[in-house]
């Protein structure tokens, strides 16, 4: 083997060693990423186990709300007389303010 081939082989070996180190770093990075992904997967699996319990809670709360609405809901027919009285009183108050304003204007003139 001549010297030039020996130098080429040495350079090739150095390049291969550098590539091996880079591959080892990449493997370590991938192992850390895989570990992180596994941790996230476990956390998501734990959360997924809680979903049925939360759904049962939501269904219970929804049925409670529906029951309260049926027990405490005022229909339009039942509210109509109250509405008429309130509108009438508000109209009287507004008319009295309008009359007082007109009286002030007429006195000033």
PDB file of N, CA and C in Angstrom:
ATOM      1  N   UNK A   1       0.835  -1.166   0.000  1.00  0.00           N
ATOM      2  CA  UNK A   1       0.000   0.000   0.000  1.00  0.00           C
ATOM      3  C   UNK A   1       0.890   1.243   0.000  1.00  0.00           C
ATOM      4  N   UNK A   2       0.548   2.148  -0.835  1.00  0.00           N
ATOM      5  CA  UNK A   2       1.381   3.347  -0.851  1.00  0.00           C
ATOM      6  C   UNK A   2       0.846   4.376   0.131  1.00  0.00           C
ATOM      7  N   UNK A   3       1.616   5.444   0.273  1.00  0.00           N
ATOM      8  CA  UNK A   3       1.274   6.438   1.276  1.00  0.00           C
ATOM      9  C   UNK A   3      -0.020   7.174   0.970  1.00  0.00           C
ATOM     10  N   UNK A   4      -0.295   7.433  -0.276  1.00  0.00           N
ATOM     11  CA  UNK A   4      -1.521   8.157  -0.639  1.00  0.00           C
ATOM     12  C   UNK A   4      -2.750   7.327  -0.299  1.00  0.00           C
ATOM     13  N   UNK A   5      -2.700   6.043  -0.556  1.00  0.00           N
ATOM     14  CA  UNK A   5      -3.827   5.187  -0.195  1.00  0.00           C
ATOM     15  C   UNK A   5      -3.988   5.134   1.322  1.00  0.00           C
ATOM     16  N   UNK A   6      -2.872   5.122   2.035  1.00  0.00           N
ATOM     17  CA  UNK A   6      -2.931   5.106   3.489  1.00  0.00           C
ATOM     18  C   UNK A   6      -3.578   6.376   4.027  1.00  0.00           C
ATOM     19  N   UNK A   7      -3.217   7.545   3.445  1.00  0.00           N
ATOM     20  CA  UNK A   7      -3.819   8.808   3.861  1.00  0.00           C
ATOM     21  C   UNK A   7      -5.306   8.833   3.535  1.00  0.00           C
ATOM     22  N   UNK A   8      -5.663   8.343   2.342  1.00  0.00           N
ATOM     23  CA  UNK A   8      -7.088   8.298   1.963  1.00  0.00           C
ATOM     24  C   UNK A   8      -7.865   7.404   2.923  1.00  0.00           C
ATOM     25  N   UNK A   9      -7.275   6.257   3.255  1.00  0.00           N
ATOM     26  CA  UNK A   9      -7.940   5.352   4.185  1.00  0.00           C
ATOM     27  C   UNK A   9      -8.065   5.991   5.570  1.00  0.00           C
ATOM     28  N   UNK A  10      -7.047   6.722   5.984  1.00  0.00           N
ATOM     29  CA  UNK A  10      -7.099   7.402   7.286  1.00  0.00           C
ATOM     30  C   UNK A  10      -8.181   8.470   7.287  1.00  0.00           C
ATOM     31  N   UNK A  11      -8.294   9.205   6.197  1.00  0.00           N
ATOM     32  CA  UNK A  11      -9.332  10.228   6.099  1.00  0.00           C
ATOM     33  C   UNK A  11     -10.716   9.592   6.084  1.00  0.00           C
ATOM     34  N   UNK A  12     -10.819   8.489   5.352  1.00  0.00           N
ATOM     35  CA  UNK A  12     -12.097   7.780   5.323  1.00  0.00           C
ATOM     36  C   UNK A  12     -12.475   7.286   6.720  1.00  0.00           C
ATOM     37  N   UNK A  13     -11.519   6.782   7.434  1.00  0.00           N
ATOM     38  CA  UNK A  13     -11.782   6.291   8.793  1.00  0.00           C
ATOM     39  C   UNK A  13     -12.198   7.447   9.696  1.00  0.00           C
ATOM     40  N   UNK A  14     -11.534   8.579   9.552  1.00  0.00           N
ATOM     41  CA  UNK A  14     -11.881   9.746  10.371  1.00  0.00           C
ATOM     42  C   UNK A  14     -13.303  10.212  10.042  1.00  0.00           C
ATOM     43  N   UNK A  15     -13.655  10.231   8.764  1.00  0.00           N
ATOM     44  CA  UNK A  15     -15.009  10.624   8.367  1.00  0.00           C
ATOM     45  C   UNK A  15     -16.040   9.638   8.899  1.00  0.00           C
ATOM     46  N   UNK A  16     -15.704   8.359   8.822  1.00  0.00           N
ATOM     47  CA  UNK A  16     -16.629   7.336   9.323  1.00  0.00           C
ATOM     48  C   UNK A  16     -16.788   7.486  10.837  1.00  0.00           C
ATOM     49  N   UNK A  17     -15.712   7.748  11.553  1.00  0.00           N
ATOM     50  CA  UNK A  17     -15.797   7.936  12.997  1.00  0.00           C
ATOM     51  C   UNK A  17     -16.652   9.158  13.342  1.00  0.00           C
ATOM     52  N   UNK A  18     -16.483  10.235  12.571  1.00  0.00           N
ATOM     53  CA  UNK A  18     -17.299  11.427  12.799  1.00  0.00           C
ATOM     54  C   UNK A  18     -18.774  11.126  12.543  1.00  0.00           C
ATOM     55  N   UNK A  19     -19.052  10.376  11.492  1.00  0.00           N
ATOM     56  CA  UNK A  19     -20.428   9.993  11.197  1.00  0.00           C
ATOM     57  C   UNK A  19     -21.006   9.104  12.304  1.00  0.00           C
ATOM     58  N   UNK A  20     -20.185   8.207  12.838  1.00  0.00           N
ATOM     59  CA  UNK A  20     -20.639   7.327  13.907  1.00  0.00           C
ATOM     60  C   UNK A  20     -21.004   8.154  15.137  1.00  0.00           C
ATOM     61  N   UNK A  21     -20.180   9.139  15.475  1.00  0.00           N
ATOM     62  CA  UNK A  21     -20.464  10.005  16.625  1.00  0.00           C
ATOM     63  C   UNK A  21     -21.766  10.766  16.391  1.00  0.00           C
ATOM     64  N   UNK A  22     -21.945  11.276  15.175  1.00  0.00           N
ATOM     65  CA  UNK A  22     -23.173  12.008  14.857  1.00  0.00           C
ATOM     66  C   UNK A  22     -24.396  11.099  14.946  1.00  0.00           C
ATOM     67  N   UNK A  23     -24.274   9.884  14.460  1.00  0.00           N
ATOM     68  CA  UNK A  23     -25.382   8.930  14.547  1.00  0.00           C
ATOM     69  C   UNK A  23     -25.685   8.599  16.002  1.00  0.00           C
ATOM     70  N   UNK A  24     -24.656   8.451  16.828  1.00  0.00           N
ATOM     71  CA  UNK A  24     -24.865   8.178  18.245  1.00  0.00           C
ATOM     72  C   UNK A  24     -25.596   9.342  18.927  1.00  0.00           C
ATOM     73  N   UNK A  25     -25.223  10.585  18.562  1.00  0.00           N
ATOM     74  CA  UNK A  25     -25.931  11.752  19.106  1.00  0.00           C
ATOM     75  C   UNK A  25     -27.391  11.758  18.658  1.00  0.00           C
ATOM     76  N   UNK A  26     -27.611  11.437  17.400  1.00  0.00           N
ATOM     77  CA  UNK A  26     -28.979  11.385  16.879  1.00  0.00           C
ATOM     78  C   UNK A  26     -29.798  10.307  17.588  1.00  0.00           C
ATOM     79  N   UNK A  27     -29.173   9.185  17.860  1.00  0.00           N
ATOM     80  CA  UNK A  27     -29.869   8.099  18.563  1.00  0.00           C
ATOM     81  C   UNK A  27     -30.233   8.555  19.978  1.00  0.00           C
ATOM     82  N   UNK A  28     -29.306   9.233  20.650  1.00  0.00           N
ATOM     83  CA  UNK A  28     -29.586   9.720  22.003  1.00  0.00           C
ATOM     84  C   UNK A  28     -30.735  10.730  21.979  1.00  0.00           C
ATOM     85  N   UNK A  29     -30.726  11.610  20.987  1.00  0.00           N
ATOM     86  CA  UNK A  29     -31.812  12.593  20.860  1.00  0.00           C
ATOM     87  C   UNK A  29     -33.137  11.891  20.614  1.00  0.00           C
ATOM     88  N   UNK A  30     -33.148  10.919  19.736  1.00  0.00           N
ATOM     89  CA  UNK A  30     -34.377  10.182  19.446  1.00  0.00           C
ATOM     90  C   UNK A  30     -34.871   9.414  20.669  1.00  0.00           C
ATOM     91  N   UNK A  31     -33.944   8.879  21.450  1.00  0.00           N
ATOM     92  CA  UNK A  31     -34.350   8.173  22.667  1.00  0.00           C
ATOM     93  C   UNK A  31     -34.995   9.132  23.662  1.00  0.00           C
ATOM     94  N   UNK A  32     -34.459  10.356  23.789  1.00  0.00           N
ATOM     95  CA  UNK A  32     -35.056  11.334  24.691  1.00  0.00           C
ATOM     96  C   UNK A  32     -36.434  11.741  24.178  1.00  0.00           C
ATOM     97  N   UNK A  33     -36.545  11.944  22.857  1.00  0.00           N
ATOM     98  CA  UNK A  33     -37.841  12.318  22.297  1.00  0.00           C
ATOM     99  C   UNK A  33     -38.852  11.194  22.495  1.00  0.00           C
ATOM    100  N   UNK A  34     -38.411   9.962  22.327  1.00  0.00           N
ATOM    101  CA  UNK A  34     -39.298   8.818  22.523  1.00  0.00           C
ATOM    102  C   UNK A  34     -39.757   8.742  23.976  1.00  0.00           C
ATOM    103  N   UNK A  35     -38.841   9.013  24.874  1.00  0.00           N
ATOM    104  CA  UNK A  35     -39.202   9.015  26.297  1.00  0.00           C
ATOM    105  C   UNK A  35     -40.235  10.103  26.591  1.00  0.00           C
ATOM    106  N   UNK A  36     -40.032  11.290  26.030  1.00  0.00           N
ATOM    107  CA  UNK A  36     -40.997  12.377  26.218  1.00  0.00           C
ATOM    108  C   UNK A  36     -42.358  12.010  25.644  1.00  0.00           C
ATOM    109  N   UNK A  37     -42.356  11.402  24.482  1.00  0.00           N
ATOM    110  CA  UNK A  37     -43.615  11.001  23.845  1.00  0.00           C
ATOM    111  C   UNK A  37     -44.324   9.948  24.685  1.00  0.00           C
ATOM    112  N   UNK A  38     -43.567   9.026  25.249  1.00  0.00           N
ATOM    113  CA  UNK A  38     -44.166   8.002  26.104  1.00  0.00           C
ATOM    114  C   UNK A  38     -44.788   8.626  27.347  1.00  0.00           C
ATOM    115  N   UNK A  39     -44.105   9.620  27.926  1.00  0.00           N
ATOM    116  CA  UNK A  39     -44.655  10.301  29.096  1.00  0.00           C
ATOM    117  C   UNK A  39     -45.944  11.025  28.739  1.00  0.00           C
ATOM    118  N   UNK A  40     -45.949  11.727  27.595  1.00  0.00           N
ATOM    119  CA  UNK A  40     -47.150  12.431  27.160  1.00  0.00           C
ATOM    120  C   UNK A  40     -48.286  11.456  26.868  1.00  0.00           C
ATOM    121  N   UNK A  41     -47.956  10.311  26.292  1.00  0.00           N
ATOM    122  CA  UNK A  41     -48.968   9.299  25.994  1.00  0.00           C
ATOM    123  C   UNK A  41     -49.594   8.774  27.283  1.00  0.00           C
ATOM    124  N   UNK A  42     -48.771   8.542  28.295  1.00  0.00           N
ATOM    125  CA  UNK A  42     -49.293   8.078  29.580  1.00  0.00           C
ATOM    126  C   UNK A  42     -50.191   9.134  30.222  1.00  0.00           C
ATOM    127  N   UNK A  43     -49.783  10.397  30.125  1.00  0.00           N
ATOM    128  CA  UNK A  43     -50.601  11.467  30.692  1.00  0.00           C
ATOM    129  C   UNK A  43     -51.937  11.561  29.963  1.00  0.00           C
ATOM    130  N   UNK A  44     -51.915  11.434  28.646  1.00  0.00           N
ATOM    131  CA  UNK A  44     -53.161  11.471  27.870  1.00  0.00           C
ATOM    132  C   UNK A  44     -54.037  10.267  28.176  1.00  0.00           C
ATOM    133  N   UNK A  45     -53.420   9.121  28.400  1.00  0.00           N
ATOM    134  CA  UNK A  45     -54.192   7.924  28.735  1.00  0.00           C
ATOM    135  C   UNK A  45     -54.876   8.096  30.086  1.00  0.00           C
ATOM    136  N   UNK A  46     -54.171   8.712  31.042  1.00  0.00           N
ATOM    137  CA  UNK A  46     -54.786   8.975  32.356  1.00  0.00           C
ATOM    138  C   UNK A  46     -55.967   9.931  32.211  1.00  0.00           C
ATOM    139  N   UNK A  47     -55.782  10.970  31.397  1.00  0.00           N
ATOM    140  CA  UNK A  47     -56.869  11.919  31.174  1.00  0.00           C
ATOM    141  C   UNK A  47     -58.042  11.257  30.458  1.00  0.00           C
ATOM    142  N   UNK A  48     -57.741  10.369  29.545  1.00  0.00           N
ATOM    143  CA  UNK A  48     -58.805   9.677  28.813  1.00  0.00           C
ATOM    144  C   UNK A  48     -59.624   8.790  29.743  1.00  0.00           C
ATOM    145  N   UNK A  49     -59.001   8.266  30.779  1.00  0.00           N
ATOM    146  CA  UNK A  49     -59.734   7.453  31.744  1.00  0.00           C
ATOM    147  C   UNK A  49     -60.717   8.289  32.561  1.00  0.00           C
ATOM    148  N   UNK A  50     -60.436   9.583  32.686  1.00  0.00           N
ATOM    149  CA  UNK A  50     -61.316  10.462  33.448  1.00  0.00           C
ATOM    150  C   UNK A  50     -62.519  10.947  32.647  1.00  0.00           C
ATOM    151  N   UNK A  51     -62.472  10.831  31.351  1.00  0.00           N
ATOM    152  CA  UNK A  51     -63.550  11.350  30.495  1.00  0.00           C
ATOM    153  C   UNK A  51     -64.904  10.724  30.821  1.00  0.00           C
ATOM    154  N   UNK A  52     -65.012   9.397  30.969  1.00  0.00           N
ATOM    155  CA  UNK A  52     -66.338   8.835  31.300  1.00  0.00           C
ATOM    156  C   UNK A  52     -66.885   9.360  32.631  1.00  0.00           C
ATOM    157  N   UNK A  53     -66.017   9.549  33.617  1.00  0.00           N
ATOM    158  CA  UNK A  53     -66.472  10.087  34.896  1.00  0.00           C
ATOM    159  C   UNK A  53     -66.984  11.514  34.726  1.00  0.00           C
ATOM    160  N   UNK A  54     -66.273  12.293  33.922  1.00  0.00           N
ATOM    161  CA  UNK A  54     -66.696  13.673  33.684  1.00  0.00           C
ATOM    162  C   UNK A  54     -68.012  13.713  32.914  1.00  0.00           C
ATOM    163  N   UNK A  55     -68.190  12.785  31.984  1.00  0.00           N
ATOM    164  CA  UNK A  55     -69.451  12.736  31.240  1.00  0.00           C
ATOM    165  C   UNK A  55     -70.621  12.402  32.164  1.00  0.00           C
ATOM    166  N   UNK A  56     -70.401  11.489  33.087  1.00  0.00           N
ATOM    167  CA  UNK A  56     -71.459  11.154  34.049  1.00  0.00           C
ATOM    168  C   UNK A  56     -71.792  12.385  34.886  1.00  0.00           C
ATOM    169  N   UNK A  57     -70.777  13.123  35.323  1.00  0.00           N
ATOM    170  CA  UNK A  57     -70.999  14.337  36.100  1.00  0.00           C
ATOM    171  C   UNK A  57     -71.787  15.369  35.294  1.00  0.00           C
ATOM    172  N   UNK A  58     -71.412  15.546  34.021  1.00  0.00           N
ATOM    173  CA  UNK A  58     -72.105  16.510  33.158  1.00  0.00           C
ATOM    174  C   UNK A  58     -73.556  16.095  32.952  1.00  0.00           C
ATOM    175  N   UNK A  59     -73.797  14.812  32.734  1.00  0.00           N
ATOM    176  CA  UNK A  59     -75.172  14.338  32.563  1.00  0.00           C
ATOM    177  C   UNK A  59     -76.001  14.585  33.821  1.00  0.00           C
ATOM    178  N   UNK A  60     -75.403  14.346  34.981  1.00  0.00           N
ATOM    179  CA  UNK A  60     -76.103  14.582  36.242  1.00  0.00           C
ATOM    180  C   UNK A  60     -76.435  16.061  36.399  1.00  0.00           C
ATOM    181  N   UNK A  61     -75.470  16.918  36.124  1.00  0.00           N
ATOM    182  CA  UNK A  61     -75.697  18.358  36.240  1.00  0.00           C
ATOM    183  C   UNK A  61     -76.759  18.821  35.244  1.00  0.00           C
ATOM    184  N   UNK A  62     -76.722  18.281  34.035  1.00  0.00           N
ATOM    185  CA  UNK A  62     -77.701  18.657  33.018  1.00  0.00           C
ATOM    186  C   UNK A  62     -79.111  18.242  33.427  1.00  0.00           C
ATOM    187  N   UNK A  63     -79.247  17.067  33.994  1.00  0.00           N
ATOM    188  CA  UNK A  63     -80.571  16.641  34.447  1.00  0.00           C
ATOM    189  C   UNK A  63     -81.049  17.502  35.619  1.00  0.00           C
ATOM    190  N   UNK A  64     -80.116  17.917  36.481  1.00  0.00           N
ATOM    191  CA  UNK A  64     -80.475  18.819  37.586  1.00  0.00           C
ATOM    192  C   UNK A  64     -80.953  20.165  37.039  1.00  0.00           C
ATOM    193  N   UNK A  65     -80.261  20.688  36.058  1.00  0.00           N
ATOM    194  CA  UNK A  65     -80.655  21.963  35.454  1.00  0.00           C
ATOM    195  C   UNK A  65     -82.016  21.834  34.786  1.00  0.00           C
ATOM    196  N   UNK A  66     -82.230  20.746  34.075  1.00  0.00           N
ATOM    197  CA  UNK A  66     -83.540  20.539  33.428  1.00  0.00           C
ATOM    198  C   UNK A  66     -84.653  20.473  34.466  1.00  0.00           C
ATOM    199  N   UNK A  67     -84.398  19.790  35.569  1.00  0.00           N
ATOM    200  CA  UNK A  67     -85.398  19.680  36.630  1.00  0.00           C
ATOM    201  C   UNK A  67     -85.696  21.047  37.223  1.00  0.00           C
ATOM    202  N   UNK A  68     -84.668  21.831  37.456  1.00  0.00           N
ATOM    203  CA  UNK A  68     -84.882  23.190  37.988  1.00  0.00           C
ATOM    204  C   UNK A  68     -85.670  24.040  37.013  1.00  0.00           C
ATOM    205  N   UNK A  69     -85.390  23.898  35.735  1.00  0.00           N
ATOM    206  CA  UNK A  69     -86.121  24.681  34.731  1.00  0.00           C
ATOM    207  C   UNK A  69     -87.597  24.293  34.700  1.00  0.00           C
ATOM    208  N   UNK A  70     -87.879  23.005  34.768  1.00  0.00           N
ATOM    209  CA  UNK A  70     -89.290  22.593  34.734  1.00  0.00           C
ATOM    210  C   UNK A  70     -90.013  22.986  36.014  1.00  0.00           C
ATOM    211  N   UNK A  71     -89.310  22.980  37.132  1.00  0.00           N
ATOM    212  CA  UNK A  71     -89.944  23.351  38.394  1.00  0.00           C
ATOM    213  C   UNK A  71     -90.118  24.860  38.536  1.00  0.00           C
ATOM    214  N   UNK A  72     -89.166  25.644  38.033  1.00  0.00           N
ATOM    215  CA  UNK A  72     -89.160  27.081  38.284  1.00  0.00           C
ATOM    216  C   UNK A  72     -89.444  27.926  37.044  1.00  0.00           C
ATOM    217  N   UNK A  73     -89.731  27.318  35.928  1.00  0.00           N
ATOM    218  CA  UNK A  73     -89.939  28.048  34.686  1.00  0.00           C
ATOM    219  C   UNK A  73     -91.315  28.707  34.686  1.00  0.00           C
ATOM    220  N   UNK A  74     -91.349  29.974  34.300  1.00  0.00           N
ATOM    221  CA  UNK A  74     -92.603  30.703  34.210  1.00  0.00           C
ATOM    222  C   UNK A  74     -93.005  30.737  32.746  1.00  0.00           C
ATOM    223  N   UNK A  75     -94.212  30.290  32.457  1.00  0.00           N
ATOM    224  CA  UNK A  75     -94.673  30.287  31.073  1.00  0.00           C
ATOM    225  C   UNK A  75     -95.093  31.685  30.668  1.00  0.00           C
ATOM    226  N   UNK A  76     -95.201  31.895  29.375  1.00  0.00           N
ATOM    227  CA  UNK A  76     -95.605  33.204  28.857  1.00  0.00           C
ATOM    228  C   UNK A  76     -97.021  33.562  29.296  1.00  0.00           C
ATOM    229  N   UNK A  77     -97.898  32.562  29.361  1.00  0.00           N
ATOM    230  CA  UNK A  77     -99.274  32.818  29.774  1.00  0.00           C
ATOM    231  C   UNK A  77     -99.334  33.274  31.239  1.00  0.00           C
ATOM    232  N   UNK A  78     -98.500  32.684  32.075  1.00  0.00           N
ATOM    233  CA  UNK A  78     -98.496  33.049  33.494  1.00  0.00           C
ATOM    234  C   UNK A  78     -97.834  34.413  33.710  1.00  0.00           C
ATOM    235  N   UNK A  79     -96.911  34.781  32.841  1.00  0.00           N
ATOM    236  CA  UNK A  79     -96.184  36.030  33.000  1.00  0.00           C
ATOM    237  C   UNK A  79     -96.923  37.220  32.383  1.00  0.00           C
ATOM    238  N   UNK A  80     -97.858  36.993  31.498  1.00  0.00           N
ATOM    239  CA  UNK A  80     -98.527  38.064  30.756  1.00  0.00           C
ATOM    240  C   UNK A  80     -99.198  39.095  31.663  1.00  0.00           C
ATOM    241  N   UNK A  81     -99.962  38.727  32.694  1.00  0.00           N
ATOM    242  CA  UNK A  81    -100.559  39.756  33.560  1.00  0.00           C
ATOM    243  C   UNK A  81     -99.512  40.605  34.285  1.00  0.00           C
ATOM    244  N   UNK A  82     -98.448  39.989  34.726  1.00  0.00           N
ATOM    245  CA  UNK A  82     -97.387  40.724  35.405  1.00  0.00           C
ATOM    246  C   UNK A  82     -96.753  41.723  34.442  1.00  0.00           C
ATOM    247  N   UNK A  83     -96.536  41.284  33.231  1.00  0.00           N
ATOM    248  CA  UNK A  83     -95.947  42.159  32.214  1.00  0.00           C
ATOM    249  C   UNK A  83     -96.836  43.372  31.966  1.00  0.00           C
ATOM    250  N   UNK A  84     -98.126  43.162  31.854  1.00  0.00           N
ATOM    251  CA  UNK A  84     -99.050  44.276  31.598  1.00  0.00           C
ATOM    252  C   UNK A  84     -99.037  45.273  32.744  1.00  0.00           C
ATOM    253  N   UNK A  85     -99.008  44.792  33.979  1.00  0.00           N
ATOM    254  CA  UNK A  85     -98.976  45.685  35.142  1.00  0.00           C
ATOM    255  C   UNK A  85     -97.683  46.491  35.162  1.00  0.00           C
ATOM    256  N   UNK A  86     -96.565  45.825  34.937  1.00  0.00           N
ATOM    257  CA  UNK A  86     -95.271  46.513  34.964  1.00  0.00           C
ATOM    258  C   UNK A  86     -95.200  47.537  33.844  1.00  0.00           C
ATOM    259  N   UNK A  87     -95.621  47.183  32.639  1.00  0.00           N
ATOM    260  CA  UNK A  87     -95.608  48.136  31.528  1.00  0.00           C
ATOM    261  C   UNK A  87     -96.507  49.333  31.836  1.00  0.00           C
ATOM    262  N   UNK A  88     -97.646  49.101  32.446  1.00  0.00           N
ATOM    263  CA  UNK A  88     -98.551  50.189  32.804  1.00  0.00           C
ATOM    264  C   UNK A  88     -97.929  51.128  33.821  1.00  0.00           C
ATOM    265  N   UNK A  89     -97.280  50.554  34.859  1.00  0.00           N
ATOM    266  CA  UNK A  89     -96.630  51.389  35.866  1.00  0.00           C
ATOM    267  C   UNK A  89     -95.466  52.183  35.284  1.00  0.00           C
ATOM    268  N   UNK A  90     -94.693  51.563  34.441  1.00  0.00           N
ATOM    269  CA  UNK A  90     -93.578  52.260  33.801  1.00  0.00           C
ATOM    270  C   UNK A  90     -94.112  53.383  32.926  1.00  0.00           C
ATOM    271  N   UNK A  91     -95.194  53.133  32.212  1.00  0.00           N
ATOM    272  CA  UNK A  91     -95.808  54.178  31.390  1.00  0.00           C
ATOM    273  C   UNK A  91     -96.279  55.346  32.233  1.00  0.00           C
ATOM    274  N   UNK A  92     -96.879  55.067  33.382  1.00  0.00           N
ATOM    275  CA  UNK A  92     -97.329  56.139  34.288  1.00  0.00           C
ATOM    276  C   UNK A  92     -96.156  56.962  34.797  1.00  0.00           C
ATOM    277  N   UNK A  93     -95.070  56.297  35.180  1.00  0.00           N
ATOM    278  CA  UNK A  93     -93.894  57.008  35.678  1.00  0.00           C
ATOM    279  C   UNK A  93     -93.315  57.879  34.573  1.00  0.00           C
ATOM    280  N   UNK A  94     -93.222  57.353  33.372  1.00  0.00           N
ATOM    281  CA  UNK A  94     -92.670  58.134  32.260  1.00  0.00           C
ATOM    282  C   UNK A  94     -93.582  59.313  31.912  1.00  0.00           C
ATOM    283  N   UNK A  95     -94.875  59.102  31.964  1.00  0.00           N
ATOM    284  CA  UNK A  95     -95.816  60.176  31.687  1.00  0.00           C
ATOM    285  C   UNK A  95     -95.715  61.272  32.746  1.00  0.00           C
ATOM    286  N   UNK A  96     -95.508  60.873  34.007  1.00  0.00           N
ATOM    287  CA  UNK A  96     -95.369  61.884  35.059  1.00  0.00           C
ATOM    288  C   UNK A  96     -94.083  62.676  34.885  1.00  0.00           C
ATOM    289  N   UNK A  97     -92.985  62.012  34.475  1.00  0.00           N
ATOM    290  CA  UNK A  97     -91.751  62.746  34.195  1.00  0.00           C
ATOM    291  C   UNK A  97     -91.939  63.704  33.028  1.00  0.00           C
ATOM    292  N   UNK A  98     -92.628  63.263  32.010  1.00  0.00           N
ATOM    293  CA  UNK A  98     -92.902  64.110  30.853  1.00  0.00           C
ATOM    294  C   UNK A  98     -93.754  65.311  31.272  1.00  0.00           C
ATOM    295  N   UNK A  99     -94.764  65.082  32.114  1.00  0.00           N
ATOM    296  CA  UNK A  99     -95.611  66.174  32.596  1.00  0.00           C
ATOM    297  C   UNK A  99     -94.822  67.156  33.442  1.00  0.00           C
ATOM    298  N   UNK A 100     -93.936  66.647  34.309  1.00  0.00           N
ATOM    299  CA  UNK A 100     -93.112  67.521  35.147  1.00  0.00           C
ATOM    300  C   UNK A 100     -92.175  68.344  34.282  1.00  0.00           C
ATOM    301  N   UNK A 101     -91.609  67.726  33.257  1.00  0.00           N
ATOM    302  CA  UNK A 101     -90.728  68.456  32.345  1.00  0.00           C
ATOM    303  C   UNK A 101     -91.481  69.538  31.587  1.00  0.00           C
ATOM    304  N   UNK A 102     -92.683  69.208  31.144  1.00  0.00           N
ATOM    305  CA  UNK A 102     -93.505  70.192  30.428  1.00  0.00           C
ATOM    306  C   UNK A 102     -93.874  71.350  31.364  1.00  0.00           C
ATOM    307  N   UNK A 103     -94.165  71.017  32.636  1.00  0.00           N
ATOM    308  CA  UNK A 103     -94.529  72.063  33.597  1.00  0.00           C
ATOM    309  C   UNK A 103     -93.353  73.009  33.833  1.00  0.00           C
ATOM    310  N   UNK A 104     -92.153  72.457  33.936  1.00  0.00           N
ATOM    311  CA  UNK A 104     -90.961  73.289  34.101  1.00  0.00           C
ATOM    312  C   UNK A 104     -90.744  74.192  32.898  1.00  0.00           C
ATOM    313  N   UNK A 105     -90.942  73.631  31.725  1.00  0.00           N
ATOM    314  CA  UNK A 105     -90.769  74.421  30.493  1.00  0.00           C
ATOM    315  C   UNK A 105     -91.792  75.532  30.421  1.00  0.00           C
ATOM    316  N   UNK A 106     -93.038  75.228  30.748  1.00  0.00           N
ATOM    317  CA  UNK A 106     -94.105  76.238  30.660  1.00  0.00           C
ATOM    318  C   UNK A 106     -93.931  77.326  31.715  1.00  0.00           C
ATOM    319  N   UNK A 107     -93.436  76.979  32.904  1.00  0.00           N
ATOM    320  CA  UNK A 107     -93.185  77.959  33.944  1.00  0.00           C
ATOM    321  C   UNK A 107     -92.055  78.902  33.543  1.00  0.00           C
ATOM    322  N   UNK A 108     -91.045  78.355  32.879  1.00  0.00           N
ATOM    323  CA  UNK A 108     -89.880  79.140  32.481  1.00  0.00           C
ATOM    324  C   UNK A 108     -90.239  80.105  31.358  1.00  0.00           C
ATOM    325  N   UNK A 109     -91.262  79.789  30.600  1.00  0.00           N
ATOM    326  CA  UNK A 109     -91.622  80.636  29.462  1.00  0.00           C
ATOM    327  C   UNK A 109     -92.453  81.741  29.898  1.00  0.00           C
TER     328      UNK A 109
END
